[in-house]
Amino acid sequence: AVIVTKTNGKWVFCKHKDRDTLEV
């Protein structure tokens, strides 16, 4: 399951502890 997410009209992305990249 992948969840494209917003809050107050802004994107919400996750930063994994072991990576320097972002994901939904």
mmCIF file of all heavy atoms, coordinates in Angstrom:
data_MODEL
# 
_entry.id   MODEL 
# 
loop_
_atom_site.group_PDB 
_atom_site.id 
_atom_site.type_symbol 
_atom_site.label_atom_id 
_atom_site.label_alt_id 
_atom_site.label_comp_id 
_atom_site.label_asym_id 
_atom_site.label_entity_id 
_atom_site.label_seq_id 
_atom_site.pdbx_PDB_ins_code 
_atom_site.Cartn_x 
_atom_site.Cartn_y 
_atom_site.Cartn_z 
_atom_site.occupancy 
_atom_site.B_iso_or_equiv 
_atom_site.pdbx_formal_charge 
_atom_site.auth_seq_id 
_atom_site.auth_comp_id 
_atom_site.auth_asym_id 
_atom_site.auth_atom_id 
_atom_site.pdbx_PDB_model_num 
ATOM 1   N N   . ALA A 1 1  ? 0.874  -1.174 0.000  1.00 0.00 ? 1  ALA A N   1 
ATOM 2   C CA  . ALA A 1 1  ? 0.000  0.000  0.000  1.00 0.00 ? 1  ALA A CA  1 
ATOM 3   C C   . ALA A 1 1  ? 0.909  1.220  0.000  1.00 0.00 ? 1  ALA A C   1 
ATOM 4   O O   . ALA A 1 1  ? 1.886  1.276  0.749  1.00 0.00 ? 1  ALA A O   1 
ATOM 5   C CB  . ALA A 1 1  ? -0.909 0.014  1.220  1.00 0.00 ? 1  ALA A CB  1 
ATOM 6   N N   . VAL A 1 2  ? 0.598  2.179  -0.865 1.00 0.00 ? 2  VAL A N   1 
ATOM 7   C CA  . VAL A 1 2  ? 1.332  3.434  -0.945 1.00 0.00 ? 2  VAL A CA  1 
ATOM 8   C C   . VAL A 1 2  ? 0.315  4.551  -0.776 1.00 0.00 ? 2  VAL A C   1 
ATOM 9   O O   . VAL A 1 2  ? -0.759 4.520  -1.391 1.00 0.00 ? 2  VAL A O   1 
ATOM 10  C CB  . VAL A 1 2  ? 2.077  3.562  -2.286 1.00 0.00 ? 2  VAL A CB  1 
ATOM 11  C CG1 . VAL A 1 2  ? 2.672  4.945  -2.449 1.00 0.00 ? 2  VAL A CG1 1 
ATOM 12  C CG2 . VAL A 1 2  ? 3.169  2.510  -2.380 1.00 0.00 ? 2  VAL A CG2 1 
ATOM 13  N N   . ILE A 1 3  ? 0.654  5.528  0.058  1.00 0.00 ? 3  ILE A N   1 
ATOM 14  C CA  . ILE A 1 3  ? -0.288 6.579  0.406  1.00 0.00 ? 3  ILE A CA  1 
ATOM 15  C C   . ILE A 1 3  ? 0.320  7.945  0.098  1.00 0.00 ? 3  ILE A C   1 
ATOM 16  O O   . ILE A 1 3  ? 1.159  8.446  0.856  1.00 0.00 ? 3  ILE A O   1 
ATOM 17  C CB  . ILE A 1 3  ? -0.688 6.514  1.894  1.00 0.00 ? 3  ILE A CB  1 
ATOM 18  C CG1 . ILE A 1 3  ? -1.090 5.086  2.295  1.00 0.00 ? 3  ILE A CG1 1 
ATOM 19  C CG2 . ILE A 1 3  ? -1.824 7.490  2.173  1.00 0.00 ? 3  ILE A CG2 1 
ATOM 20  C CD1 . ILE A 1 3  ? 0.009  4.276  2.917  1.00 0.00 ? 3  ILE A CD1 1 
ATOM 21  N N   . VAL A 1 4  ? -0.089 8.553  -1.005 1.00 0.00 ? 4  VAL A N   1 
ATOM 22  C CA  . VAL A 1 4  ? 0.312  9.924  -1.308 1.00 0.00 ? 4  VAL A CA  1 
ATOM 23  C C   . VAL A 1 4  ? -0.426 10.801 -0.307 1.00 0.00 ? 4  VAL A C   1 
ATOM 24  O O   . VAL A 1 4  ? -1.638 10.678 -0.136 1.00 0.00 ? 4  VAL A O   1 
ATOM 25  C CB  . VAL A 1 4  ? -0.026 10.293 -2.760 1.00 0.00 ? 4  VAL A CB  1 
ATOM 26  C CG1 . VAL A 1 4  ? 0.248  11.765 -3.019 1.00 0.00 ? 4  VAL A CG1 1 
ATOM 27  C CG2 . VAL A 1 4  ? 0.778  9.407  -3.719 1.00 0.00 ? 4  VAL A CG2 1 
ATOM 28  N N   . THR A 1 5  ? 0.319  11.681 0.369  1.00 0.00 ? 5  THR A N   1 
ATOM 29  C CA  . THR A 1 5  ? -0.217 12.352 1.549  1.00 0.00 ? 5  THR A CA  1 
ATOM 30  C C   . THR A 1 5  ? 0.033  13.844 1.530  1.00 0.00 ? 5  THR A C   1 
ATOM 31  O O   . THR A 1 5  ? 1.105  14.301 1.136  1.00 0.00 ? 5  THR A O   1 
ATOM 32  C CB  . THR A 1 5  ? 0.443  11.742 2.812  1.00 0.00 ? 5  THR A CB  1 
ATOM 33  O OG1 . THR A 1 5  ? 0.278  10.322 2.774  1.00 0.00 ? 5  THR A OG1 1 
ATOM 34  C CG2 . THR A 1 5  ? -0.180 12.280 4.072  1.00 0.00 ? 5  THR A CG2 1 
ATOM 35  N N   . LYS A 1 6  ? -0.972 14.570 2.014  1.00 0.00 ? 6  LYS A N   1 
ATOM 36  C CA  . LYS A 1 6  ? -0.834 16.012 2.216  1.00 0.00 ? 6  LYS A CA  1 
ATOM 37  C C   . LYS A 1 6  ? -1.345 16.386 3.605  1.00 0.00 ? 6  LYS A C   1 
ATOM 38  O O   . LYS A 1 6  ? -2.118 15.648 4.219  1.00 0.00 ? 6  LYS A O   1 
ATOM 39  C CB  . LYS A 1 6  ? -1.612 16.800 1.157  1.00 0.00 ? 6  LYS A CB  1 
ATOM 40  C CG  . LYS A 1 6  ? -0.954 16.811 -0.204 1.00 0.00 ? 6  LYS A CG  1 
ATOM 41  C CD  . LYS A 1 6  ? -1.627 17.817 -1.114 1.00 0.00 ? 6  LYS A CD  1 
ATOM 42  C CE  . LYS A 1 6  ? -0.827 18.019 -2.389 1.00 0.00 ? 6  LYS A CE  1 
ATOM 43  N NZ  . LYS A 1 6  ? -1.444 19.058 -3.237 1.00 0.00 ? 6  LYS A NZ  1 
ATOM 44  N N   . THR A 1 7  ? -0.892 17.539 4.070  1.00 0.00 ? 7  THR A N   1 
ATOM 45  C CA  . THR A 1 7  ? -1.420 18.159 5.278  1.00 0.00 ? 7  THR A CA  1 
ATOM 46  C C   . THR A 1 7  ? -1.482 19.658 5.030  1.00 0.00 ? 7  THR A C   1 
ATOM 47  O O   . THR A 1 7  ? -0.497 20.251 4.548  1.00 0.00 ? 7  THR A O   1 
ATOM 48  C CB  . THR A 1 7  ? -0.568 17.826 6.533  1.00 0.00 ? 7  THR A CB  1 
ATOM 49  O OG1 . THR A 1 7  ? -1.230 18.336 7.680  1.00 0.00 ? 7  THR A OG1 1 
ATOM 50  C CG2 . THR A 1 7  ? 0.845  18.370 6.454  1.00 0.00 ? 7  THR A CG2 1 
ATOM 51  N N   . ASN A 1 8  ? -2.602 20.247 5.290  1.00 0.00 ? 8  ASN A N   1 
ATOM 52  C CA  . ASN A 1 8  ? -2.786 21.680 5.041  1.00 0.00 ? 8  ASN A CA  1 
ATOM 53  C C   . ASN A 1 8  ? -2.320 22.096 3.648  1.00 0.00 ? 8  ASN A C   1 
ATOM 54  O O   . ASN A 1 8  ? -1.687 23.138 3.468  1.00 0.00 ? 8  ASN A O   1 
ATOM 55  C CB  . ASN A 1 8  ? -2.061 22.516 6.103  1.00 0.00 ? 8  ASN A CB  1 
ATOM 56  C CG  . ASN A 1 8  ? -2.670 22.322 7.475  1.00 0.00 ? 8  ASN A CG  1 
ATOM 57  O OD1 . ASN A 1 8  ? -3.883 22.263 7.627  1.00 0.00 ? 8  ASN A OD1 1 
ATOM 58  N ND2 . ASN A 1 8  ? -1.815 22.194 8.477  1.00 0.00 ? 8  ASN A ND2 1 
ATOM 59  N N   . GLY A 1 9  ? -2.591 21.255 2.655  1.00 0.00 ? 9  GLY A N   1 
ATOM 60  C CA  . GLY A 1 9  ? -2.242 21.570 1.279  1.00 0.00 ? 9  GLY A CA  1 
ATOM 61  C C   . GLY A 1 9  ? -0.790 21.342 0.905  1.00 0.00 ? 9  GLY A C   1 
ATOM 62  O O   . GLY A 1 9  ? -0.385 21.601 -0.226 1.00 0.00 ? 9  GLY A O   1 
ATOM 63  N N   . LYS A 1 10 ? 0.025  20.853 1.848  1.00 0.00 ? 10 LYS A N   1 
ATOM 64  C CA  . LYS A 1 10 ? 1.455  20.608 1.587  1.00 0.00 ? 10 LYS A CA  1 
ATOM 65  C C   . LYS A 1 10 ? 1.705  19.095 1.556  1.00 0.00 ? 10 LYS A C   1 
ATOM 66  O O   . LYS A 1 10 ? 1.035  18.322 2.229  1.00 0.00 ? 10 LYS A O   1 
ATOM 67  C CB  . LYS A 1 10 ? 2.318  21.254 2.664  1.00 0.00 ? 10 LYS A CB  1 
ATOM 68  C CG  . LYS A 1 10 ? 2.213  22.770 2.692  1.00 0.00 ? 10 LYS A CG  1 
ATOM 69  C CD  . LYS A 1 10 ? 3.053  23.346 3.821  1.00 0.00 ? 10 LYS A CD  1 
ATOM 70  C CE  . LYS A 1 10 ? 2.864  24.833 3.928  1.00 0.00 ? 10 LYS A CE  1 
ATOM 71  N NZ  . LYS A 1 10 ? 3.879  25.566 3.207  1.00 0.00 ? 10 LYS A NZ  1 
ATOM 72  N N   . TRP A 1 11 ? 2.709  18.710 0.786  1.00 0.00 ? 11 TRP A N   1 
ATOM 73  C CA  . TRP A 1 11 ? 3.098  17.302 0.676  1.00 0.00 ? 11 TRP A CA  1 
ATOM 74  C C   . TRP A 1 11 ? 3.711  16.801 1.978  1.00 0.00 ? 11 TRP A C   1 
ATOM 75  O O   . TRP A 1 11 ? 4.404  17.541 2.658  1.00 0.00 ? 11 TRP A O   1 
ATOM 76  C CB  . TRP A 1 11 ? 4.138  17.123 -0.428 1.00 0.00 ? 11 TRP A CB  1 
ATOM 77  C CG  . TRP A 1 11 ? 3.677  17.540 -1.783 1.00 0.00 ? 11 TRP A CG  1 
ATOM 78  C CD1 . TRP A 1 11 ? 4.068  18.657 -2.471 1.00 0.00 ? 11 TRP A CD1 1 
ATOM 79  C CD2 . TRP A 1 11 ? 2.751  16.864 -2.623 1.00 0.00 ? 11 TRP A CD2 1 
ATOM 80  N NE1 . TRP A 1 11 ? 3.435  18.702 -3.684 1.00 0.00 ? 11 TRP A NE1 1 
ATOM 81  C CE2 . TRP A 1 11 ? 2.619  17.614 -3.806 1.00 0.00 ? 11 TRP A CE2 1 
ATOM 82  C CE3 . TRP A 1 11 ? 2.013  15.683 -2.483 1.00 0.00 ? 11 TRP A CE3 1 
ATOM 83  C CZ2 . TRP A 1 11 ? 1.785  17.233 -4.846 1.00 0.00 ? 11 TRP A CZ2 1 
ATOM 84  C CZ3 . TRP A 1 11 ? 1.182  15.300 -3.521 1.00 0.00 ? 11 TRP A CZ3 1 
ATOM 85  C CH2 . TRP A 1 11 ? 1.066  16.065 -4.675 1.00 0.00 ? 11 TRP A CH2 1 
ATOM 86  N N   . VAL A 1 12 ? 3.506  15.531 2.261  1.00 0.00 ? 12 VAL A N   1 
ATOM 87  C CA  . VAL A 1 12 ? 4.146  14.867 3.400  1.00 0.00 ? 12 VAL A CA  1 
ATOM 88  C C   . VAL A 1 12 ? 5.007  13.737 2.840  1.00 0.00 ? 12 VAL A C   1 
ATOM 89  O O   . VAL A 1 12 ? 4.500  12.828 2.185  1.00 0.00 ? 12 VAL A O   1 
ATOM 90  C CB  . VAL A 1 12 ? 3.106  14.293 4.385  1.00 0.00 ? 12 VAL A CB  1 
ATOM 91  C CG1 . VAL A 1 12 ? 3.811  13.558 5.533  1.00 0.00 ? 12 VAL A CG1 1 
ATOM 92  C CG2 . VAL A 1 12 ? 2.189  15.389 4.916  1.00 0.00 ? 12 VAL A CG2 1 
ATOM 93  N N   . PHE A 1 13 ? 6.312  13.820 3.097  1.00 0.00 ? 13 PHE A N   1 
ATOM 94  C CA  . PHE A 1 13 ? 7.248  12.788 2.663  1.00 0.00 ? 13 PHE A CA  1 
ATOM 95  C C   . PHE A 1 13 ? 7.984  12.223 3.871  1.00 0.00 ? 13 PHE A C   1 
ATOM 96  O O   . PHE A 1 13 ? 8.118  12.886 4.895  1.00 0.00 ? 13 PHE A O   1 
ATOM 97  C CB  . PHE A 1 13 ? 8.260  13.352 1.657  1.00 0.00 ? 13 PHE A CB  1 
ATOM 98  C CG  . PHE A 1 13 ? 7.609  13.840 0.402  1.00 0.00 ? 13 PHE A CG  1 
ATOM 99  C CD1 . PHE A 1 13 ? 7.443  15.188 0.173  1.00 0.00 ? 13 PHE A CD1 1 
ATOM 100 C CD2 . PHE A 1 13 ? 7.144  12.934 -0.530 1.00 0.00 ? 13 PHE A CD2 1 
ATOM 101 C CE1 . PHE A 1 13 ? 6.821  15.639 -0.981 1.00 0.00 ? 13 PHE A CE1 1 
ATOM 102 C CE2 . PHE A 1 13 ? 6.515  13.374 -1.692 1.00 0.00 ? 13 PHE A CE2 1 
ATOM 103 C CZ  . PHE A 1 13 ? 6.356  14.732 -1.913 1.00 0.00 ? 13 PHE A CZ  1 
ATOM 104 N N   . CYS A 1 14 ? 8.487  11.008 3.722  1.00 0.00 ? 14 CYS A N   1 
ATOM 105 C CA  . CYS A 1 14 ? 9.203  10.324 4.793  1.00 0.00 ? 14 CYS A CA  1 
ATOM 106 C C   . CYS A 1 14 ? 10.685 10.224 4.461  1.00 0.00 ? 14 CYS A C   1 
ATOM 107 O O   . CYS A 1 14 ? 11.049 9.974  3.308  1.00 0.00 ? 14 CYS A O   1 
ATOM 108 C CB  . CYS A 1 14 ? 8.652  8.910  4.964  1.00 0.00 ? 14 CYS A CB  1 
ATOM 109 S SG  . CYS A 1 14 ? 6.906  8.849  5.360  1.00 0.00 ? 14 CYS A SG  1 
ATOM 110 N N   . LYS A 1 15 ? 11.513 10.394 5.499  1.00 0.00 ? 15 LYS A N   1 
ATOM 111 C CA  . LYS A 1 15 ? 12.945 10.164 5.369  1.00 0.00 ? 15 LYS A CA  1 
ATOM 112 C C   . LYS A 1 15 ? 13.302 8.963  6.233  1.00 0.00 ? 15 LYS A C   1 
ATOM 113 O O   . LYS A 1 15 ? 13.179 9.011  7.449  1.00 0.00 ? 15 LYS A O   1 
ATOM 114 C CB  . LYS A 1 15 ? 13.768 11.370 5.791  1.00 0.00 ? 15 LYS A CB  1 
ATOM 115 C CG  . LYS A 1 15 ? 15.247 11.170 5.468  1.00 0.00 ? 15 LYS A CG  1 
ATOM 116 C CD  . LYS A 1 15 ? 16.133 11.892 6.451  1.00 0.00 ? 15 LYS A CD  1 
ATOM 117 C CE  . LYS A 1 15 ? 17.571 11.451 6.315  1.00 0.00 ? 15 LYS A CE  1 
ATOM 118 N NZ  . LYS A 1 15 ? 17.843 10.125 6.875  1.00 0.00 ? 15 LYS A NZ  1 
ATOM 119 N N   . HIS A 1 16 ? 13.697 7.875  5.598  1.00 0.00 ? 16 HIS A N   1 
ATOM 120 C CA  . HIS A 1 16 ? 14.087 6.640  6.286  1.00 0.00 ? 16 HIS A CA  1 
ATOM 121 C C   . HIS A 1 16 ? 15.382 6.884  7.058  1.00 0.00 ? 16 HIS A C   1 
ATOM 122 O O   . HIS A 1 16 ? 16.253 7.632  6.608  1.00 0.00 ? 16 HIS A O   1 
ATOM 123 C CB  . HIS A 1 16 ? 14.288 5.544  5.229  1.00 0.00 ? 16 HIS A CB  1 
ATOM 124 C CG  . HIS A 1 16 ? 14.440 4.181  5.780  1.00 0.00 ? 16 HIS A CG  1 
ATOM 125 N ND1 . HIS A 1 16 ? 15.605 3.741  6.358  1.00 0.00 ? 16 HIS A ND1 1 
ATOM 126 C CD2 . HIS A 1 16 ? 13.581 3.141  5.837  1.00 0.00 ? 16 HIS A CD2 1 
ATOM 127 C CE1 . HIS A 1 16 ? 15.453 2.486  6.743  1.00 0.00 ? 16 HIS A CE1 1 
ATOM 128 N NE2 . HIS A 1 16 ? 14.231 2.097  6.439  1.00 0.00 ? 16 HIS A NE2 1 
ATOM 129 N N   . LYS A 1 17 ? 15.534 6.230  8.192  1.00 0.00 ? 17 LYS A N   1 
ATOM 130 C CA  . LYS A 1 17 ? 16.727 6.385  9.041  1.00 0.00 ? 17 LYS A CA  1 
ATOM 131 C C   . LYS A 1 17 ? 18.021 6.025  8.323  1.00 0.00 ? 17 LYS A C   1 
ATOM 132 O O   . LYS A 1 17 ? 19.075 6.585  8.616  1.00 0.00 ? 17 LYS A O   1 
ATOM 133 C CB  . LYS A 1 17 ? 16.595 5.518  10.295 1.00 0.00 ? 17 LYS A CB  1 
ATOM 134 C CG  . LYS A 1 17 ? 15.525 5.989  11.243 1.00 0.00 ? 17 LYS A CG  1 
ATOM 135 C CD  . LYS A 1 17 ? 15.350 5.024  12.409 1.00 0.00 ? 17 LYS A CD  1 
ATOM 136 C CE  . LYS A 1 17 ? 14.214 5.490  13.315 1.00 0.00 ? 17 LYS A CE  1 
ATOM 137 N NZ  . LYS A 1 17 ? 13.916 4.525  14.373 1.00 0.00 ? 17 LYS A NZ  1 
ATOM 138 N N   . ASP A 1 18 ? 17.961 5.079  7.379  1.00 0.00 ? 18 ASP A N   1 
ATOM 139 C CA  . ASP A 1 18 ? 19.169 4.588  6.703  1.00 0.00 ? 18 ASP A CA  1 
ATOM 140 C C   . ASP A 1 18 ? 19.410 5.200  5.329  1.00 0.00 ? 18 ASP A C   1 
ATOM 141 O O   . ASP A 1 18 ? 20.300 4.757  4.606  1.00 0.00 ? 18 ASP A O   1 
ATOM 142 C CB  . ASP A 1 18 ? 19.093 3.063  6.554  1.00 0.00 ? 18 ASP A CB  1 
ATOM 143 C CG  . ASP A 1 18 ? 19.051 2.357  7.890  1.00 0.00 ? 18 ASP A CG  1 
ATOM 144 O OD1 . ASP A 1 18 ? 19.591 2.915  8.869  1.00 0.00 ? 18 ASP A OD1 1 
ATOM 145 O OD2 . ASP A 1 18 ? 18.477 1.252  7.958  1.00 0.00 ? 18 ASP A OD2 1 
ATOM 146 N N   . ARG A 1 19 ? 18.579 6.196  4.924  1.00 0.00 ? 19 ARG A N   1 
ATOM 147 C CA  . ARG A 1 19 ? 18.719 6.762  3.589  1.00 0.00 ? 19 ARG A CA  1 
ATOM 148 C C   . ARG A 1 19 ? 18.705 8.288  3.652  1.00 0.00 ? 19 ARG A C   1 
ATOM 149 O O   . ARG A 1 19 ? 18.213 8.875  4.608  1.00 0.00 ? 19 ARG A O   1 
ATOM 150 C CB  . ARG A 1 19 ? 17.579 6.282  2.687  1.00 0.00 ? 19 ARG A CB  1 
ATOM 151 C CG  . ARG A 1 19 ? 17.552 4.781  2.499  1.00 0.00 ? 19 ARG A CG  1 
ATOM 152 C CD  . ARG A 1 19 ? 16.593 4.350  1.410  1.00 0.00 ? 19 ARG A CD  1 
ATOM 153 N NE  . ARG A 1 19 ? 15.242 4.094  1.833  1.00 0.00 ? 19 ARG A NE  1 
ATOM 154 C CZ  . ARG A 1 19 ? 14.775 2.913  2.237  1.00 0.00 ? 19 ARG A CZ  1 
ATOM 155 N NH1 . ARG A 1 19 ? 15.576 1.886  2.295  1.00 0.00 ? 19 ARG A NH1 1 
ATOM 156 N NH2 . ARG A 1 19 ? 13.527 2.773  2.582  1.00 0.00 ? 19 ARG A NH2 1 
ATOM 157 N N   . ASP A 1 20 ? 19.205 8.906  2.596  1.00 0.00 ? 20 ASP A N   1 
ATOM 158 C CA  . ASP A 1 20 ? 19.198 10.366 2.478  1.00 0.00 ? 20 ASP A CA  1 
ATOM 159 C C   . ASP A 1 20 ? 18.170 10.830 1.460  1.00 0.00 ? 20 ASP A C   1 
ATOM 160 O O   . ASP A 1 20 ? 18.247 11.949 0.969  1.00 0.00 ? 20 ASP A O   1 
ATOM 161 C CB  . ASP A 1 20 ? 20.581 10.878 2.075  1.00 0.00 ? 20 ASP A CB  1 
ATOM 162 C CG  . ASP A 1 20 ? 21.606 10.641 3.162  1.00 0.00 ? 20 ASP A CG  1 
ATOM 163 O OD1 . ASP A 1 20 ? 21.256 10.770 4.347  1.00 0.00 ? 20 ASP A OD1 1 
ATOM 164 O OD2 . ASP A 1 20 ? 22.759 10.324 2.816  1.00 0.00 ? 20 ASP A OD2 1 
ATOM 165 N N   . THR A 1 21 ? 17.226 9.967  1.123  1.00 0.00 ? 21 THR A N   1 
ATOM 166 C CA  . THR A 1 21 ? 16.227 10.254 0.108  1.00 0.00 ? 21 THR A CA  1 
ATOM 167 C C   . THR A 1 21 ? 14.844 10.344 0.740  1.00 0.00 ? 21 THR A C   1 
ATOM 168 O O   . THR A 1 21 ? 14.668 10.007 1.916  1.00 0.00 ? 21 THR A O   1 
ATOM 169 C CB  . THR A 1 21 ? 16.248 9.150  -0.953 1.00 0.00 ? 21 THR A CB  1 
ATOM 170 O OG1 . THR A 1 21 ? 16.115 7.876  -0.288 1.00 0.00 ? 21 THR A OG1 1 
ATOM 171 C CG2 . THR A 1 21 ? 17.550 9.162  -1.743 1.00 0.00 ? 21 THR A CG2 1 
ATOM 172 N N   . LEU A 1 22 ? 13.868 10.774 -0.056 1.00 0.00 ? 22 LEU A N   1 
ATOM 173 C CA  . LEU A 1 22 ? 12.500 10.914 0.445  1.00 0.00 ? 22 LEU A CA  1 
ATOM 174 C C   . LEU A 1 22 ? 11.553 9.988  -0.308 1.00 0.00 ? 22 LEU A C   1 
ATOM 175 O O   . LEU A 1 22 ? 11.782 9.650  -1.464 1.00 0.00 ? 22 LEU A O   1 
ATOM 176 C CB  . LEU A 1 22 ? 12.035 12.367 0.297  1.00 0.00 ? 22 LEU A CB  1 
ATOM 177 C CG  . LEU A 1 22 ? 12.845 13.401 1.067  1.00 0.00 ? 22 LEU A CG  1 
ATOM 178 C CD1 . LEU A 1 22 ? 12.308 14.799 0.797  1.00 0.00 ? 22 LEU A CD1 1 
ATOM 179 C CD2 . LEU A 1 22 ? 12.851 13.109 2.553  1.00 0.00 ? 22 LEU A CD2 1 
ATOM 180 N N   . GLU A 1 23 ? 10.478 9.618  0.370  1.00 0.00 ? 23 GLU A N   1 
ATOM 181 C CA  . GLU A 1 23 ? 9.483  8.720  -0.217 1.00 0.00 ? 23 GLU A CA  1 
ATOM 182 C C   . GLU A 1 23 ? 8.115  9.036  0.348  1.00 0.00 ? 23 GLU A C   1 
ATOM 183 O O   . GLU A 1 23 ? 8.001  9.694  1.382  1.00 0.00 ? 23 GLU A O   1 
ATOM 184 C CB  . GLU A 1 23 ? 9.861  7.266  0.063  1.00 0.00 ? 23 GLU A CB  1 
ATOM 185 C CG  . GLU A 1 23 ? 10.012 6.962  1.544  1.00 0.00 ? 23 GLU A CG  1 
ATOM 186 C CD  . GLU A 1 23 ? 10.847 5.725  1.798  1.00 0.00 ? 23 GLU A CD  1 
ATOM 187 O OE1 . GLU A 1 23 ? 12.078 5.764  1.571  1.00 0.00 ? 23 GLU A OE1 1 
ATOM 188 O OE2 . GLU A 1 23 ? 10.259 4.713  2.237  1.00 0.00 ? 23 GLU A OE2 1 
ATOM 189 N N   . VAL A 1 24 ? 7.079  8.545  -0.323 1.00 0.00 ? 24 VAL A N   1 
ATOM 190 C CA  . VAL A 1 24 ? 5.742  8.675  0.228  1.00 0.00 ? 24 VAL A CA  1 
ATOM 191 C C   . VAL A 1 24 ? 5.531  7.509  1.201  1.00 0.00 ? 24 VAL A C   1 
ATOM 192 O O   . VAL A 1 24 ? 6.186  6.470  1.083  1.00 0.00 ? 24 VAL A O   1 
ATOM 193 C CB  . VAL A 1 24 ? 4.651  8.703  -0.867 1.00 0.00 ? 24 VAL A CB  1 
ATOM 194 C CG1 . VAL A 1 24 ? 4.810  9.902  -1.771 1.00 0.00 ? 24 VAL A CG1 1 
ATOM 195 C CG2 . VAL A 1 24 ? 4.620  7.436  -1.662 1.00 0.00 ? 24 VAL A CG2 1 
# 
